[in-house]
N, C-alpha and C. Protein backbone atom coordinates (compact mmCIF):
# COMPACT_ATOMS: atom_id res chain seq x y z
N MET A 1 -5.94 4.28 -8.79
CA MET A 1 -6.07 3.12 -7.91
C MET A 1 -4.68 2.67 -7.47
N ARG A 2 -4.61 2.14 -6.27
CA ARG A 2 -3.38 1.58 -5.73
C ARG A 2 -3.64 0.13 -5.36
N ARG A 3 -2.64 -0.71 -5.50
CA ARG A 3 -2.75 -2.12 -5.14
C ARG A 3 -2.20 -2.29 -3.72
N VAL A 4 -2.93 -3.08 -2.90
CA VAL A 4 -2.45 -3.40 -1.56
C VAL A 4 -2.48 -4.91 -1.38
N GLN A 5 -1.66 -5.38 -0.48
CA GLN A 5 -1.63 -6.79 -0.16
C GLN A 5 -2.27 -6.97 1.20
N VAL A 6 -3.19 -7.92 1.31
CA VAL A 6 -3.90 -8.17 2.56
C VAL A 6 -3.60 -9.60 2.99
N LEU A 7 -3.11 -9.76 4.21
CA LEU A 7 -2.86 -11.09 4.75
C LEU A 7 -4.13 -11.58 5.43
N LEU A 8 -4.54 -12.80 5.09
CA LEU A 8 -5.78 -13.37 5.62
C LEU A 8 -5.48 -14.69 6.31
N GLU A 9 -6.32 -15.02 7.28
CA GLU A 9 -6.22 -16.32 7.94
C GLU A 9 -6.64 -17.41 6.96
N GLU A 10 -6.27 -18.66 7.29
CA GLU A 10 -6.66 -19.80 6.47
C GLU A 10 -8.17 -19.79 6.22
N GLY A 11 -8.58 -19.95 5.01
CA GLY A 11 -9.99 -20.04 4.68
C GLY A 11 -10.73 -18.73 4.52
N GLU A 12 -10.19 -17.64 5.04
CA GLU A 12 -10.88 -16.36 4.95
C GLU A 12 -11.07 -15.92 3.50
N GLN A 13 -10.05 -16.09 2.69
CA GLN A 13 -10.15 -15.63 1.30
C GLN A 13 -11.33 -16.30 0.59
N GLU A 14 -11.46 -17.59 0.76
CA GLU A 14 -12.56 -18.29 0.08
C GLU A 14 -13.92 -17.87 0.65
N HIS A 15 -14.03 -17.71 1.96
CA HIS A 15 -15.29 -17.25 2.55
C HIS A 15 -15.64 -15.85 2.03
N PHE A 16 -14.65 -14.97 2.01
CA PHE A 16 -14.88 -13.61 1.51
C PHE A 16 -15.27 -13.64 0.04
N ARG A 17 -14.55 -14.46 -0.76
CA ARG A 17 -14.83 -14.53 -2.19
C ARG A 17 -16.25 -15.03 -2.46
N GLN A 18 -16.67 -16.05 -1.71
CA GLN A 18 -18.02 -16.59 -1.88
C GLN A 18 -19.07 -15.53 -1.55
N GLN A 19 -18.85 -14.79 -0.47
CA GLN A 19 -19.81 -13.75 -0.11
C GLN A 19 -19.84 -12.66 -1.17
N ALA A 20 -18.68 -12.28 -1.66
CA ALA A 20 -18.61 -11.27 -2.72
C ALA A 20 -19.38 -11.74 -3.94
N GLU A 21 -19.20 -12.99 -4.31
CA GLU A 21 -19.91 -13.55 -5.47
C GLU A 21 -21.42 -13.50 -5.25
N ARG A 22 -21.86 -13.84 -4.04
CA ARG A 22 -23.30 -13.79 -3.74
C ARG A 22 -23.85 -12.38 -3.89
N GLU A 23 -23.00 -11.38 -3.63
CA GLU A 23 -23.42 -9.99 -3.73
C GLU A 23 -23.12 -9.39 -5.11
N GLY A 24 -22.63 -10.24 -6.02
CA GLY A 24 -22.37 -9.77 -7.38
C GLY A 24 -21.15 -8.88 -7.51
N LEU A 25 -20.18 -9.07 -6.61
CA LEU A 25 -18.97 -8.23 -6.61
C LEU A 25 -17.72 -9.09 -6.74
N SER A 26 -16.66 -8.47 -7.21
CA SER A 26 -15.36 -9.13 -7.15
C SER A 26 -14.90 -9.09 -5.70
N LEU A 27 -13.92 -9.94 -5.37
CA LEU A 27 -13.39 -9.92 -4.01
C LEU A 27 -12.82 -8.55 -3.68
N SER A 28 -12.10 -7.97 -4.62
CA SER A 28 -11.51 -6.64 -4.40
C SER A 28 -12.58 -5.59 -4.12
N ALA A 29 -13.63 -5.58 -4.93
CA ALA A 29 -14.71 -4.60 -4.74
C ALA A 29 -15.42 -4.84 -3.41
N TRP A 30 -15.59 -6.11 -3.04
CA TRP A 30 -16.27 -6.43 -1.78
C TRP A 30 -15.45 -5.94 -0.59
N LEU A 31 -14.14 -6.20 -0.61
CA LEU A 31 -13.28 -5.75 0.48
C LEU A 31 -13.24 -4.23 0.56
N ARG A 32 -13.17 -3.56 -0.60
CA ARG A 32 -13.15 -2.10 -0.63
C ARG A 32 -14.44 -1.55 -0.03
N ARG A 33 -15.59 -2.14 -0.41
CA ARG A 33 -16.87 -1.68 0.12
C ARG A 33 -16.97 -1.92 1.63
N ALA A 34 -16.47 -3.07 2.08
CA ALA A 34 -16.48 -3.35 3.52
C ALA A 34 -15.67 -2.31 4.28
N GLY A 35 -14.52 -1.95 3.75
CA GLY A 35 -13.70 -0.93 4.39
C GLY A 35 -14.38 0.42 4.41
N GLN A 36 -15.01 0.78 3.29
CA GLN A 36 -15.71 2.06 3.23
C GLN A 36 -16.87 2.11 4.22
N GLU A 37 -17.61 1.00 4.32
CA GLU A 37 -18.72 0.95 5.28
C GLU A 37 -18.22 1.06 6.70
N ARG A 38 -17.09 0.45 6.98
CA ARG A 38 -16.51 0.53 8.32
C ARG A 38 -16.12 1.96 8.66
N LEU A 39 -15.54 2.66 7.69
CA LEU A 39 -15.16 4.05 7.93
C LEU A 39 -16.39 4.93 8.19
N ARG A 40 -17.46 4.69 7.45
CA ARG A 40 -18.68 5.49 7.63
C ARG A 40 -19.35 5.20 8.96
N SER A 41 -19.18 3.99 9.47
CA SER A 41 -19.88 3.62 10.71
C SER A 41 -19.20 4.17 11.96
N ARG A 42 -17.97 4.63 11.85
CA ARG A 42 -17.24 5.16 13.00
C ARG A 42 -16.73 6.55 12.67
N PRO A 43 -17.22 7.55 13.36
CA PRO A 43 -16.72 8.90 13.08
C PRO A 43 -15.23 9.00 13.39
N GLY A 44 -14.52 9.69 12.52
CA GLY A 44 -13.08 9.85 12.70
C GLY A 44 -12.75 10.72 13.91
N ARG A 45 -11.63 10.47 14.49
CA ARG A 45 -11.19 11.23 15.65
C ARG A 45 -9.89 11.93 15.29
N ARG A 46 -9.85 13.21 15.48
CA ARG A 46 -8.65 13.98 15.18
C ARG A 46 -7.63 13.82 16.29
N LEU A 47 -6.39 13.68 15.89
CA LEU A 47 -5.28 13.64 16.83
C LEU A 47 -4.60 14.99 16.75
N SER A 48 -4.95 15.87 17.67
CA SER A 48 -4.46 17.24 17.57
C SER A 48 -3.40 17.60 18.60
N THR A 49 -3.15 16.69 19.54
CA THR A 49 -2.12 16.97 20.54
C THR A 49 -1.21 15.75 20.66
N LEU A 50 -0.06 15.96 21.26
CA LEU A 50 0.87 14.86 21.50
C LEU A 50 0.22 13.81 22.40
N ARG A 51 -0.57 14.27 23.35
CA ARG A 51 -1.26 13.33 24.24
C ARG A 51 -2.25 12.46 23.45
N ASP A 52 -3.01 13.08 22.52
CA ASP A 52 -3.93 12.32 21.68
C ASP A 52 -3.18 11.22 20.92
N LEU A 53 -2.03 11.58 20.37
CA LEU A 53 -1.24 10.63 19.60
C LEU A 53 -0.74 9.49 20.48
N ARG A 54 -0.24 9.84 21.66
CA ARG A 54 0.24 8.80 22.58
C ARG A 54 -0.91 7.89 23.02
N ASP A 55 -2.07 8.47 23.31
CA ASP A 55 -3.24 7.68 23.70
C ASP A 55 -3.66 6.73 22.58
N PHE A 56 -3.61 7.25 21.36
CA PHE A 56 -3.97 6.42 20.20
C PHE A 56 -3.05 5.20 20.11
N PHE A 57 -1.73 5.42 20.16
CA PHE A 57 -0.80 4.30 20.04
C PHE A 57 -0.89 3.35 21.23
N ARG A 58 -1.17 3.87 22.40
CA ARG A 58 -1.36 3.01 23.57
C ARG A 58 -2.57 2.11 23.36
N ALA A 59 -3.66 2.66 22.83
CA ALA A 59 -4.87 1.87 22.57
C ALA A 59 -4.62 0.82 21.49
N VAL A 60 -3.89 1.20 20.45
CA VAL A 60 -3.57 0.23 19.39
C VAL A 60 -2.70 -0.89 19.94
N ASP A 61 -1.68 -0.54 20.71
CA ASP A 61 -0.80 -1.56 21.29
C ASP A 61 -1.58 -2.52 22.19
N ALA A 62 -2.55 -2.00 22.93
CA ALA A 62 -3.36 -2.85 23.81
C ALA A 62 -4.29 -3.76 23.01
N ARG A 63 -4.77 -3.27 21.87
CA ARG A 63 -5.72 -4.02 21.05
C ARG A 63 -5.05 -5.08 20.19
N GLU A 64 -3.92 -4.75 19.59
CA GLU A 64 -3.27 -5.64 18.63
C GLU A 64 -2.44 -6.70 19.34
N LYS A 65 -2.50 -7.90 18.83
CA LYS A 65 -1.71 -9.01 19.38
C LYS A 65 -0.68 -9.42 18.34
N GLY A 66 0.37 -10.05 18.77
CA GLY A 66 1.41 -10.49 17.85
C GLY A 66 2.34 -9.35 17.50
N ARG A 67 2.99 -9.49 16.35
CA ARG A 67 3.92 -8.45 15.92
C ARG A 67 3.78 -8.23 14.43
N GLU A 68 4.10 -7.05 14.00
CA GLU A 68 4.09 -6.72 12.58
C GLU A 68 5.36 -7.30 11.96
N PRO A 69 5.22 -8.04 10.86
CA PRO A 69 6.42 -8.60 10.22
C PRO A 69 7.35 -7.48 9.74
N GLY A 70 8.64 -7.76 9.75
CA GLY A 70 9.61 -6.81 9.22
C GLY A 70 9.55 -6.77 7.70
N TRP A 71 10.17 -5.77 7.12
CA TRP A 71 10.13 -5.60 5.67
C TRP A 71 10.69 -6.81 4.94
N GLU A 72 11.75 -7.42 5.46
CA GLU A 72 12.34 -8.59 4.82
C GLU A 72 11.32 -9.74 4.75
N GLU A 73 10.51 -9.90 5.77
CA GLU A 73 9.48 -10.93 5.75
C GLU A 73 8.42 -10.62 4.70
N HIS A 74 8.05 -9.36 4.57
CA HIS A 74 7.09 -8.97 3.52
C HIS A 74 7.67 -9.29 2.14
N LEU A 75 8.92 -8.96 1.93
CA LEU A 75 9.55 -9.24 0.63
C LEU A 75 9.59 -10.73 0.35
N ALA A 76 9.87 -11.55 1.36
CA ALA A 76 9.89 -13.00 1.17
C ALA A 76 8.52 -13.51 0.75
N VAL A 77 7.46 -13.01 1.36
CA VAL A 77 6.10 -13.40 0.99
C VAL A 77 5.81 -13.01 -0.46
N ILE A 78 6.20 -11.81 -0.83
CA ILE A 78 5.99 -11.34 -2.21
C ILE A 78 6.76 -12.23 -3.17
N ASP A 79 8.02 -12.54 -2.87
CA ASP A 79 8.83 -13.39 -3.75
C ASP A 79 8.22 -14.78 -3.90
N ARG A 80 7.75 -15.37 -2.78
CA ARG A 80 7.11 -16.70 -2.86
C ARG A 80 5.85 -16.64 -3.71
N SER A 81 5.10 -15.56 -3.56
CA SER A 81 3.87 -15.40 -4.34
C SER A 81 4.19 -15.32 -5.83
N ARG A 82 5.19 -14.53 -6.17
CA ARG A 82 5.60 -14.41 -7.58
C ARG A 82 6.08 -15.76 -8.12
N ALA A 83 6.88 -16.46 -7.35
CA ALA A 83 7.43 -17.73 -7.79
C ALA A 83 6.35 -18.79 -7.99
N SER A 84 5.32 -18.76 -7.16
CA SER A 84 4.26 -19.77 -7.28
C SER A 84 3.42 -19.57 -8.52
N GLY A 85 3.48 -18.38 -9.11
CA GLY A 85 2.70 -18.12 -10.31
C GLY A 85 3.45 -18.34 -11.61
N THR A 86 4.67 -18.88 -11.51
CA THR A 86 5.47 -19.11 -12.71
C THR A 86 5.73 -20.58 -12.89
N SER A 87 6.08 -20.95 -14.11
CA SER A 87 6.36 -22.37 -14.41
C SER A 87 7.77 -22.75 -14.02
N GLY A 88 8.65 -21.78 -13.82
CA GLY A 88 10.02 -22.07 -13.47
C GLY A 88 10.89 -22.40 -14.66
N THR A 89 10.33 -22.26 -15.86
CA THR A 89 11.12 -22.54 -17.07
C THR A 89 11.35 -21.30 -17.86
C-alpha cells in the first residue's frame, strides 16, 4: 500500500466520511472504491503516438482550471499538517 494526500474543498471530507460510514467503510476505503469504480466505468485509452500524447495534454489543459501548486507549497501544507497534530512541547 502507498499513502497519498488528497486536497478537498471545504466540507467535502465530512460529506465523504459520512457517506463512507453509511456504507460501512472507512474514508480511505470509500475513496479507493470510488476511484476503482471510476476506472472501471471508463475504458482506458492508449497513448501510442506523439499526437495522442499532445491531444491528451491539450484536453487536460482545457478541462483543468487553476494551477497545480509547486513542490514548496506541497511541503508547506505537509509541515502545517504535522505541526497541527503536535502539542508543541
